[in-house]
Amino acid sequence: MVARTRDELLSIGREAVDHVAGTCILKAAEVAVGADSTDLPAYFFDFAVDFDRYRRPDFPVHARIMQRTWDALTERGDEHIPYITVFSQADWEKHRRA
């Protein structure tokens, strides 16, 4: 199993968001390493996105970011499954306080 640093994972996640939704909409990001409910290795990405700058609400942002992240990990030989949560800026603040 490939071990990634937090900075490497955040870079992969940021690149995925920028590619899918455009630059300047990502306001914050976090990642945690763990296992999913079936005990498979997983990365849990949380992103705060400025939806006011994002002009395509019908676009399946969450799924596309997840797929782009998974593709980037796979290309690097990483078998962790990425789980993605996308928050608005207001919801991010609530999430951070919880």
PDB file of N, CA and C in Angstrom:
ATOM      1  N   MET A   1       0.838  -1.175   0.000  1.00  0.00           N
ATOM      2  CA  MET A   1       0.000   0.000   0.000  1.00  0.00           C
ATOM      3  C   MET A   1       0.886   1.242   0.000  1.00  0.00           C
ATOM      4  N   VAL A   2       0.566   2.174  -0.836  1.00  0.00           N
ATOM      5  CA  VAL A   2       1.326   3.418  -0.956  1.00  0.00           C
ATOM      6  C   VAL A   2       0.948   4.362   0.182  1.00  0.00           C
ATOM      7  N   ALA A   3       1.940   4.975   0.797  1.00  0.00           N
ATOM      8  CA  ALA A   3       1.681   5.953   1.859  1.00  0.00           C
ATOM      9  C   ALA A   3       1.850   7.355   1.283  1.00  0.00           C
ATOM     10  N   ARG A   4       0.852   8.182   1.454  1.00  0.00           N
ATOM     11  CA  ARG A   4       0.875   9.561   0.977  1.00  0.00           C
ATOM     12  C   ARG A   4       0.905  10.513   2.167  1.00  0.00           C
ATOM     13  N   THR A   5       1.608  11.609   2.009  1.00  0.00           N
ATOM     14  CA  THR A   5       1.583  12.631   3.051  1.00  0.00           C
ATOM     15  C   THR A   5       0.287  13.422   2.935  1.00  0.00           C
ATOM     16  N   ARG A   6      -0.073  14.102   3.994  1.00  0.00           N
ATOM     17  CA  ARG A   6      -1.261  14.948   3.988  1.00  0.00           C
ATOM     18  C   ARG A   6      -1.155  16.003   2.884  1.00  0.00           C
ATOM     19  N   ASP A   7       0.025  16.593   2.739  1.00  0.00           N
ATOM     20  CA  ASP A   7       0.213  17.617   1.701  1.00  0.00           C
ATOM     21  C   ASP A   7       0.022  17.053   0.299  1.00  0.00           C
ATOM     22  N   GLU A   8       0.530  15.838   0.056  1.00  0.00           N
ATOM     23  CA  GLU A   8       0.330  15.204  -1.254  1.00  0.00           C
ATOM     24  C   GLU A   8      -1.154  14.981  -1.527  1.00  0.00           C
ATOM     25  N   LEU A   9      -1.864  14.491  -0.520  1.00  0.00           N
ATOM     26  CA  LEU A   9      -3.293  14.221  -0.685  1.00  0.00           C
ATOM     27  C   LEU A   9      -4.071  15.509  -0.927  1.00  0.00           C
ATOM     28  N   LEU A  10      -3.757  16.548  -0.177  1.00  0.00           N
ATOM     29  CA  LEU A  10      -4.446  17.820  -0.380  1.00  0.00           C
ATOM     30  C   LEU A  10      -4.159  18.389  -1.758  1.00  0.00           C
ATOM     31  N   SER A  11      -2.941  18.222  -2.236  1.00  0.00           N
ATOM     32  CA  SER A  11      -2.592  18.682  -3.582  1.00  0.00           C
ATOM     33  C   SER A  11      -3.406  17.936  -4.636  1.00  0.00           C
ATOM     34  N   ILE A  12      -3.527  16.624  -4.489  1.00  0.00           N
ATOM     35  CA  ILE A  12      -4.330  15.821  -5.419  1.00  0.00           C
ATOM     36  C   ILE A  12      -5.784  16.290  -5.391  1.00  0.00           C
ATOM     37  N   GLY A  13      -6.314  16.515  -4.201  1.00  0.00           N
ATOM     38  CA  GLY A  13      -7.690  16.981  -4.075  1.00  0.00           C
ATOM     39  C   GLY A  13      -7.904  18.352  -4.672  1.00  0.00           C
ATOM     40  N   ARG A  14      -6.992  19.263  -4.396  1.00  0.00           N
ATOM     41  CA  ARG A  14      -7.107  20.624  -4.950  1.00  0.00           C
ATOM     42  C   ARG A  14      -7.049  20.600  -6.475  1.00  0.00           C
ATOM     43  N   GLU A  15      -6.149  19.810  -7.016  1.00  0.00           N
ATOM     44  CA  GLU A  15      -6.052  19.707  -8.469  1.00  0.00           C
ATOM     45  C   GLU A  15      -7.349  19.163  -9.064  1.00  0.00           C
ATOM     46  N   ALA A  16      -7.971  18.203  -8.394  1.00  0.00           N
ATOM     47  CA  ALA A  16      -9.236  17.638  -8.876  1.00  0.00           C
ATOM     48  C   ALA A  16     -10.332  18.699  -8.888  1.00  0.00           C
ATOM     49  N   VAL A  17     -10.451  19.457  -7.806  1.00  0.00           N
ATOM     50  CA  VAL A  17     -11.472  20.509  -7.735  1.00  0.00           C
ATOM     51  C   VAL A  17     -11.223  21.561  -8.810  1.00  0.00           C
ATOM     52  N   ASP A  18      -9.978  22.009  -8.938  1.00  0.00           N
ATOM     53  CA  ASP A  18      -9.654  23.019  -9.954  1.00  0.00           C
ATOM     54  C   ASP A  18      -9.976  22.524 -11.356  1.00  0.00           C
ATOM     55  N   HIS A  19      -9.659  21.280 -11.628  1.00  0.00           N
ATOM     56  CA  HIS A  19      -9.902  20.724 -12.965  1.00  0.00           C
ATOM     57  C   HIS A  19     -11.400  20.616 -13.250  1.00  0.00           C
ATOM     58  N   VAL A  20     -12.156  20.159 -12.287  1.00  0.00           N
ATOM     59  CA  VAL A  20     -13.585  19.916 -12.495  1.00  0.00           C
ATOM     60  C   VAL A  20     -14.396  21.206 -12.466  1.00  0.00           C
ATOM     61  N   ALA A  21     -14.136  22.061 -11.482  1.00  0.00           N
ATOM     62  CA  ALA A  21     -15.013  23.211 -11.261  1.00  0.00           C
ATOM     63  C   ALA A  21     -14.370  24.558 -11.552  1.00  0.00           C
ATOM     64  N   GLY A  22     -13.085  24.560 -11.855  1.00  0.00           N
ATOM     65  CA  GLY A  22     -12.400  25.816 -12.143  1.00  0.00           C
ATOM     66  C   GLY A  22     -11.608  26.312 -10.943  1.00  0.00           C
ATOM     67  N   THR A  23     -10.658  27.138 -11.244  1.00  0.00           N
ATOM     68  CA  THR A  23      -9.813  27.680 -10.187  1.00  0.00           C
ATOM     69  C   THR A  23     -10.571  28.743  -9.411  1.00  0.00           C
ATOM     70  N   CYS A  24     -10.119  29.021  -8.251  1.00  0.00           N
ATOM     71  CA  CYS A  24     -10.640  30.076  -7.375  1.00  0.00           C
ATOM     72  C   CYS A  24     -11.960  29.739  -6.692  1.00  0.00           C
ATOM     73  N   ILE A  25     -12.505  28.533  -6.816  1.00  0.00           N
ATOM     74  CA  ILE A  25     -13.730  28.244  -6.080  1.00  0.00           C
ATOM     75  C   ILE A  25     -13.446  27.462  -4.806  1.00  0.00           C
ATOM     76  N   LEU A  26     -12.285  26.808  -4.717  1.00  0.00           N
ATOM     77  CA  LEU A  26     -11.935  26.045  -3.524  1.00  0.00           C
ATOM     78  C   LEU A  26     -11.451  27.009  -2.448  1.00  0.00           C
ATOM     79  N   LYS A  27     -12.128  26.988  -1.308  1.00  0.00           N
ATOM     80  CA  LYS A  27     -11.782  27.894  -0.218  1.00  0.00           C
ATOM     81  C   LYS A  27     -11.048  27.195   0.913  1.00  0.00           C
ATOM     82  N   ALA A  28     -11.269  25.904   1.087  1.00  0.00           N
ATOM     83  CA  ALA A  28     -10.593  25.157   2.152  1.00  0.00           C
ATOM     84  C   ALA A  28     -10.676  23.668   1.841  1.00  0.00           C
ATOM     85  N   ALA A  29      -9.751  22.915   2.421  1.00  0.00           N
ATOM     86  CA  ALA A  29      -9.736  21.468   2.200  1.00  0.00           C
ATOM     87  C   ALA A  29      -9.134  20.776   3.414  1.00  0.00           C
ATOM     88  N   GLU A  30      -9.644  19.585   3.682  1.00  0.00           N
ATOM     89  CA  GLU A  30      -9.108  18.722   4.723  1.00  0.00           C
ATOM     90  C   GLU A  30      -9.103  17.298   4.185  1.00  0.00           C
ATOM     91  N   VAL A  31      -8.241  16.471   4.741  1.00  0.00           N
ATOM     92  CA  VAL A  31      -8.231  15.054   4.375  1.00  0.00           C
ATOM     93  C   VAL A  31      -7.862  14.230   5.604  1.00  0.00           C
ATOM     94  N   ALA A  32      -8.502  13.079   5.705  1.00  0.00           N
ATOM     95  CA  ALA A  32      -8.198  12.131   6.786  1.00  0.00           C
ATOM     96  C   ALA A  32      -8.002  10.759   6.156  1.00  0.00           C
ATOM     97  N   VAL A  33      -7.125   9.979   6.740  1.00  0.00           N
ATOM     98  CA  VAL A  33      -6.853   8.622   6.268  1.00  0.00           C
ATOM     99  C   VAL A  33      -7.525   7.656   7.230  1.00  0.00           C
ATOM    100  N   GLY A  34      -8.178   6.645   6.671  1.00  0.00           N
ATOM    101  CA  GLY A  34      -8.839   5.667   7.525  1.00  0.00           C
ATOM    102  C   GLY A  34      -9.310   4.477   6.719  1.00  0.00           C
ATOM    103  N   ALA A  35     -10.375   3.876   7.177  1.00  0.00           N
ATOM    104  CA  ALA A  35     -10.980   2.737   6.489  1.00  0.00           C
ATOM    105  C   ALA A  35     -12.462   3.020   6.319  1.00  0.00           C
ATOM    106  N   ASP A  36     -13.019   2.500   5.232  1.00  0.00           N
ATOM    107  CA  ASP A  36     -14.456   2.691   5.026  1.00  0.00           C
ATOM    108  C   ASP A  36     -15.237   1.638   5.804  1.00  0.00           C
ATOM    109  N   SER A  37     -16.542   1.575   5.601  1.00  0.00           N
ATOM    110  CA  SER A  37     -17.387   0.670   6.388  1.00  0.00           C
ATOM    111  C   SER A  37     -17.128  -0.806   6.104  1.00  0.00           C
ATOM    112  N   THR A  38     -16.426  -1.092   5.007  1.00  0.00           N
ATOM    113  CA  THR A  38     -16.078  -2.485   4.696  1.00  0.00           C
ATOM    114  C   THR A  38     -14.628  -2.787   5.042  1.00  0.00           C
ATOM    115  N   ASP A  39     -13.989  -1.857   5.741  1.00  0.00           N
ATOM    116  CA  ASP A  39     -12.602  -1.981   6.197  1.00  0.00           C
ATOM    117  C   ASP A  39     -11.570  -1.836   5.082  1.00  0.00           C
ATOM    118  N   LEU A  40     -11.966  -1.284   3.942  1.00  0.00           N
ATOM    119  CA  LEU A  40     -11.004  -0.998   2.881  1.00  0.00           C
ATOM    120  C   LEU A  40     -10.328   0.336   3.164  1.00  0.00           C
ATOM    121  N   PRO A  41      -9.054   0.481   2.779  1.00  0.00           N
ATOM    122  CA  PRO A  41      -8.351   1.742   3.021  1.00  0.00           C
ATOM    123  C   PRO A  41      -9.013   2.885   2.245  1.00  0.00           C
ATOM    124  N   ALA A  42      -9.140   4.024   2.917  1.00  0.00           N
ATOM    125  CA  ALA A  42      -9.855   5.140   2.307  1.00  0.00           C
ATOM    126  C   ALA A  42      -9.246   6.478   2.707  1.00  0.00           C
ATOM    127  N   TYR A  43      -9.486   7.463   1.850  1.00  0.00           N
ATOM    128  CA  TYR A  43      -9.179   8.854   2.165  1.00  0.00           C
ATOM    129  C   TYR A  43     -10.516   9.583   2.231  1.00  0.00           C
ATOM    130  N   PHE A  44     -10.669  10.429   3.233  1.00  0.00           N
ATOM    131  CA  PHE A  44     -11.891  11.197   3.406  1.00  0.00           C
ATOM    132  C   PHE A  44     -11.563  12.674   3.185  1.00  0.00           C
ATOM    133  N   PHE A  45     -11.960  13.179   2.015  1.00  0.00           N
ATOM    134  CA  PHE A  45     -11.695  14.561   1.632  1.00  0.00           C
ATOM    135  C   PHE A  45     -12.913  15.423   1.948  1.00  0.00           C
ATOM    136  N   ASP A  46     -12.682  16.583   2.553  1.00  0.00           N
ATOM    137  CA  ASP A  46     -13.712  17.598   2.752  1.00  0.00           C
ATOM    138  C   ASP A  46     -13.256  18.858   2.025  1.00  0.00           C
ATOM    139  N   PHE A  47     -14.153  19.430   1.218  1.00  0.00           N
ATOM    140  CA  PHE A  47     -13.843  20.644   0.474  1.00  0.00           C
ATOM    141  C   PHE A  47     -14.880  21.716   0.752  1.00  0.00           C
ATOM    142  N   ALA A  48     -14.438  22.946   0.962  1.00  0.00           N
ATOM    143  CA  ALA A  48     -15.324  24.103   1.036  1.00  0.00           C
ATOM    144  C   ALA A  48     -15.229  24.813  -0.307  1.00  0.00           C
ATOM    145  N   VAL A  49     -16.374  24.993  -0.951  1.00  0.00           N
ATOM    146  CA  VAL A  49     -16.423  25.552  -2.302  1.00  0.00           C
ATOM    147  C   VAL A  49     -17.266  26.819  -2.296  1.00  0.00           C
ATOM    148  N   ASP A  50     -16.807  27.825  -3.013  1.00  0.00           N
ATOM    149  CA  ASP A  50     -17.553  29.072  -3.176  1.00  0.00           C
ATOM    150  C   ASP A  50     -18.560  28.872  -4.306  1.00  0.00           C
ATOM    151  N   PHE A  51     -19.773  28.489  -3.937  1.00  0.00           N
ATOM    152  CA  PHE A  51     -20.795  28.213  -4.947  1.00  0.00           C
ATOM    153  C   PHE A  51     -21.242  29.480  -5.674  1.00  0.00           C
ATOM    154  N   ASP A  52     -20.983  30.669  -5.119  1.00  0.00           N
ATOM    155  CA  ASP A  52     -21.315  31.908  -5.819  1.00  0.00           C
ATOM    156  C   ASP A  52     -20.460  32.068  -7.077  1.00  0.00           C
ATOM    157  N   ARG A  53     -19.262  31.515  -7.057  1.00  0.00           N
ATOM    158  CA  ARG A  53     -18.372  31.589  -8.225  1.00  0.00           C
ATOM    159  C   ARG A  53     -18.609  30.433  -9.193  1.00  0.00           C
ATOM    160  N   TYR A  54     -19.310  29.437  -8.719  1.00  0.00           N
ATOM    161  CA  TYR A  54     -19.552  28.260  -9.534  1.00  0.00           C
ATOM    162  C   TYR A  54     -20.876  28.415 -10.248  1.00  0.00           C
ATOM    163  N   ARG A  55     -20.839  28.539 -11.548  1.00  0.00           N
ATOM    164  CA  ARG A  55     -22.017  28.923 -12.325  1.00  0.00           C
ATOM    165  C   ARG A  55     -22.749  27.760 -12.986  1.00  0.00           C
ATOM    166  N   ARG A  56     -22.426  26.535 -12.641  1.00  0.00           N
ATOM    167  CA  ARG A  56     -23.074  25.392 -13.288  1.00  0.00           C
ATOM    168  C   ARG A  56     -23.705  24.482 -12.240  1.00  0.00           C
ATOM    169  N   PRO A  57     -24.811  24.889 -11.613  1.00  0.00           N
ATOM    170  CA  PRO A  57     -25.388  24.093 -10.532  1.00  0.00           C
ATOM    171  C   PRO A  57     -25.890  22.720 -10.972  1.00  0.00           C
ATOM    172  N   ASP A  58     -26.165  22.545 -12.264  1.00  0.00           N
ATOM    173  CA  ASP A  58     -26.637  21.251 -12.748  1.00  0.00           C
ATOM    174  C   ASP A  58     -25.489  20.261 -12.970  1.00  0.00           C
ATOM    175  N   PHE A  59     -24.293  20.753 -12.977  1.00  0.00           N
ATOM    176  CA  PHE A  59     -23.101  19.947 -13.216  1.00  0.00           C
ATOM    177  C   PHE A  59     -22.839  19.048 -12.013  1.00  0.00           C
ATOM    178  N   PRO A  60     -22.644  17.738 -12.196  1.00  0.00           N
ATOM    179  CA  PRO A  60     -22.462  16.824 -11.055  1.00  0.00           C
ATOM    180  C   PRO A  60     -21.076  16.956 -10.418  1.00  0.00           C
ATOM    181  N   VAL A  61     -20.881  18.059  -9.722  1.00  0.00           N
ATOM    182  CA  VAL A  61     -19.568  18.393  -9.171  1.00  0.00           C
ATOM    183  C   VAL A  61     -19.020  17.317  -8.242  1.00  0.00           C
ATOM    184  N   HIS A  62     -19.812  16.853  -7.333  1.00  0.00           N
ATOM    185  CA  HIS A  62     -19.347  15.900  -6.333  1.00  0.00           C
ATOM    186  C   HIS A  62     -18.804  14.635  -6.988  1.00  0.00           C
ATOM    187  N   ALA A  63     -19.578  14.063  -7.899  1.00  0.00           N
ATOM    188  CA  ALA A  63     -19.165  12.822  -8.567  1.00  0.00           C
ATOM    189  C   ALA A  63     -17.929  13.036  -9.435  1.00  0.00           C
ATOM    190  N   ARG A  64     -17.866  14.156 -10.108  1.00  0.00           N
ATOM    191  CA  ARG A  64     -16.711  14.422 -10.979  1.00  0.00           C
ATOM    192  C   ARG A  64     -15.435  14.634 -10.168  1.00  0.00           C
ATOM    193  N   ILE A  65     -15.540  15.334  -9.038  1.00  0.00           N
ATOM    194  CA  ILE A  65     -14.368  15.532  -8.180  1.00  0.00           C
ATOM    195  C   ILE A  65     -13.892  14.188  -7.636  1.00  0.00           C
ATOM    196  N   MET A  66     -14.833  13.354  -7.204  1.00  0.00           N
ATOM    197  CA  MET A  66     -14.469  12.032  -6.692  1.00  0.00           C
ATOM    198  C   MET A  66     -13.769  11.215  -7.769  1.00  0.00           C
ATOM    199  N   GLN A  67     -14.321  11.203  -8.979  1.00  0.00           N
ATOM    200  CA  GLN A  67     -13.721  10.414 -10.057  1.00  0.00           C
ATOM    201  C   GLN A  67     -12.339  10.932 -10.422  1.00  0.00           C
ATOM    202  N   ARG A  68     -12.200  12.236 -10.509  1.00  0.00           N
ATOM    203  CA  ARG A  68     -10.894  12.827 -10.841  1.00  0.00           C
ATOM    204  C   ARG A  68      -9.865  12.498  -9.754  1.00  0.00           C
ATOM    205  N   THR A  69     -10.286  12.558  -8.499  1.00  0.00           N
ATOM    206  CA  THR A  69      -9.386  12.234  -7.385  1.00  0.00           C
ATOM    207  C   THR A  69      -8.987  10.763  -7.439  1.00  0.00           C
ATOM    208  N   TRP A  70      -9.960   9.895  -7.648  1.00  0.00           N
ATOM    209  CA  TRP A  70      -9.694   8.459  -7.724  1.00  0.00           C
ATOM    210  C   TRP A  70      -8.751   8.150  -8.885  1.00  0.00           C
ATOM    211  N   ASP A  71      -8.975   8.772 -10.029  1.00  0.00           N
ATOM    212  CA  ASP A  71      -8.090   8.569 -11.185  1.00  0.00           C
ATOM    213  C   ASP A  71      -6.657   8.984 -10.857  1.00  0.00           C
ATOM    214  N   ALA A  72      -6.503  10.126 -10.207  1.00  0.00           N
ATOM    215  CA  ALA A  72      -5.159  10.613  -9.858  1.00  0.00           C
ATOM    216  C   ALA A  72      -4.472   9.664  -8.881  1.00  0.00           C
ATOM    217  N   LEU A  73      -5.218   9.151  -7.919  1.00  0.00           N
ATOM    218  CA  LEU A  73      -4.636   8.203  -6.963  1.00  0.00           C
ATOM    219  C   LEU A  73      -4.231   6.910  -7.662  1.00  0.00           C
ATOM    220  N   THR A  74      -5.110   6.403  -8.511  1.00  0.00           N
ATOM    221  CA  THR A  74      -4.844   5.156  -9.235  1.00  0.00           C
ATOM    222  C   THR A  74      -3.606   5.291 -10.122  1.00  0.00           C
ATOM    223  N   GLU A  75      -3.481   6.430 -10.796  1.00  0.00           N
ATOM    224  CA  GLU A  75      -2.300   6.671 -11.645  1.00  0.00           C
ATOM    225  C   GLU A  75      -1.009   6.619 -10.843  1.00  0.00           C
ATOM    226  N   ARG A  76      -1.102   6.933  -9.554  1.00  0.00           N
ATOM    227  CA  ARG A  76       0.073   6.919  -8.678  1.00  0.00           C
ATOM    228  C   ARG A  76       0.236   5.592  -7.940  1.00  0.00           C
ATOM    229  N   GLY A  77      -0.581   4.607  -8.297  1.00  0.00           N
ATOM    230  CA  GLY A  77      -0.474   3.290  -7.670  1.00  0.00           C
ATOM    231  C   GLY A  77      -1.103   3.209  -6.290  1.00  0.00           C
ATOM    232  N   ASP A  78      -1.980   4.131  -5.966  1.00  0.00           N
ATOM    233  CA  ASP A  78      -2.616   4.189  -4.653  1.00  0.00           C
ATOM    234  C   ASP A  78      -3.996   3.545  -4.728  1.00  0.00           C
ATOM    235  N   GLU A  79      -4.264   2.583  -3.851  1.00  0.00           N
ATOM    236  CA  GLU A  79      -5.521   1.838  -3.890  1.00  0.00           C
ATOM    237  C   GLU A  79      -6.565   2.337  -2.896  1.00  0.00           C
ATOM    238  N   HIS A  80      -6.269   3.408  -2.169  1.00  0.00           N
ATOM    239  CA  HIS A  80      -7.256   3.964  -1.244  1.00  0.00           C
ATOM    240  C   HIS A  80      -8.474   4.464  -2.027  1.00  0.00           C
ATOM    241  N   ILE A  81      -9.640   4.311  -1.442  1.00  0.00           N
ATOM    242  CA  ILE A  81     -10.870   4.818  -2.043  1.00  0.00           C
ATOM    243  C   ILE A  81     -11.099   6.234  -1.532  1.00  0.00           C
ATOM    244  N   PRO A  82     -11.308   7.202  -2.439  1.00  0.00           N
ATOM    245  CA  PRO A  82     -11.574   8.567  -1.974  1.00  0.00           C
ATOM    246  C   PRO A  82     -13.069   8.784  -1.705  1.00  0.00           C
ATOM    247  N   TYR A  83     -13.360   9.325  -0.560  1.00  0.00           N
ATOM    248  CA  TYR A  83     -14.722   9.753  -0.221  1.00  0.00           C
ATOM    249  C   TYR A  83     -14.693  11.272  -0.154  1.00  0.00           C
ATOM    250  N   ILE A  84     -15.631  11.897  -0.834  1.00  0.00           N
ATOM    251  CA  ILE A  84     -15.618  13.343  -1.003  1.00  0.00           C
ATOM    252  C   ILE A  84     -16.865  13.955  -0.377  1.00  0.00           C
ATOM    253  N   THR A  85     -16.669  15.005   0.401  1.00  0.00           N
ATOM    254  CA  THR A  85     -17.774  15.814   0.888  1.00  0.00           C
ATOM    255  C   THR A  85     -17.504  17.250   0.438  1.00  0.00           C
ATOM    256  N   VAL A  86     -18.495  17.849  -0.200  1.00  0.00           N
ATOM    257  CA  VAL A  86     -18.368  19.221  -0.683  1.00  0.00           C
ATOM    258  C   VAL A  86     -19.324  20.088   0.129  1.00  0.00           C
ATOM    259  N   PHE A  87     -18.779  21.124   0.751  1.00  0.00           N
ATOM    260  CA  PHE A  87     -19.548  22.037   1.586  1.00  0.00           C
ATOM    261  C   PHE A  87     -19.614  23.417   0.952  1.00  0.00           C
ATOM    262  N   SER A  88     -20.696  24.138   1.222  1.00  0.00           N
ATOM    263  CA  SER A  88     -20.711  25.572   0.945  1.00  0.00           C
ATOM    264  C   SER A  88     -19.839  26.218   2.020  1.00  0.00           C
ATOM    265  N   GLN A  89     -19.505  27.484   1.835  1.00  0.00           N
ATOM    266  CA  GLN A  89     -18.680  28.149   2.841  1.00  0.00           C
ATOM    267  C   GLN A  89     -19.398  28.231   4.193  1.00  0.00           C
ATOM    268  N   ALA A  90     -20.696  28.493   4.182  1.00  0.00           N
ATOM    269  CA  ALA A  90     -21.460  28.577   5.427  1.00  0.00           C
ATOM    270  C   ALA A  90     -21.498  27.218   6.121  1.00  0.00           C
ATOM    271  N   ASP A  91     -21.733  26.156   5.353  1.00  0.00           N
ATOM    272  CA  ASP A  91     -21.766  24.819   5.939  1.00  0.00           C
ATOM    273  C   ASP A  91     -20.388  24.391   6.437  1.00  0.00           C
ATOM    274  N   TRP A  92     -19.334  24.850   5.770  1.00  0.00           N
ATOM    275  CA  TRP A  92     -17.973  24.538   6.209  1.00  0.00           C
ATOM    276  C   TRP A  92     -17.730  25.068   7.618  1.00  0.00           C
ATOM    277  N   GLU A  93     -18.172  26.284   7.855  1.00  0.00           N
ATOM    278  CA  GLU A  93     -17.989  26.883   9.185  1.00  0.00           C
ATOM    279  C   GLU A  93     -18.723  26.064  10.245  1.00  0.00           C
ATOM    280  N   LYS A  94     -19.929  25.611   9.943  1.00  0.00           N
ATOM    281  CA  LYS A  94     -20.674  24.762  10.877  1.00  0.00           C
ATOM    282  C   LYS A  94     -19.941  23.442  11.093  1.00  0.00           C
ATOM    283  N   HIS A  95     -19.432  22.875  10.007  1.00  0.00           N
ATOM    284  CA  HIS A  95     -18.693  21.606  10.062  1.00  0.00           C
ATOM    285  C   HIS A  95     -17.443  21.752  10.936  1.00  0.00           C
ATOM    286  N   ARG A  96     -16.744  22.842  10.790  1.00  0.00           N
ATOM    287  CA  ARG A  96     -15.501  23.073  11.539  1.00  0.00           C
ATOM    288  C   ARG A  96     -15.771  23.222  13.038  1.00  0.00           C
ATOM    289  N   ARG A  97     -16.930  23.785  13.369  1.00  0.00           N
ATOM    290  CA  ARG A  97     -17.274  23.992  14.788  1.00  0.00           C
ATOM    291  C   ARG A  97     -17.807  22.719  15.433  1.00  0.00           C
ATOM    292  N   ALA A  98     -18.271  21.778  14.628  1.00  0.00           N
ATOM    293  CA  ALA A  98     -18.884  20.551  15.188  1.00  0.00           C
ATOM    294  C   ALA A  98     -17.856  19.623  15.786  1.00  0.00           C
TER     295      ALA A  98
END
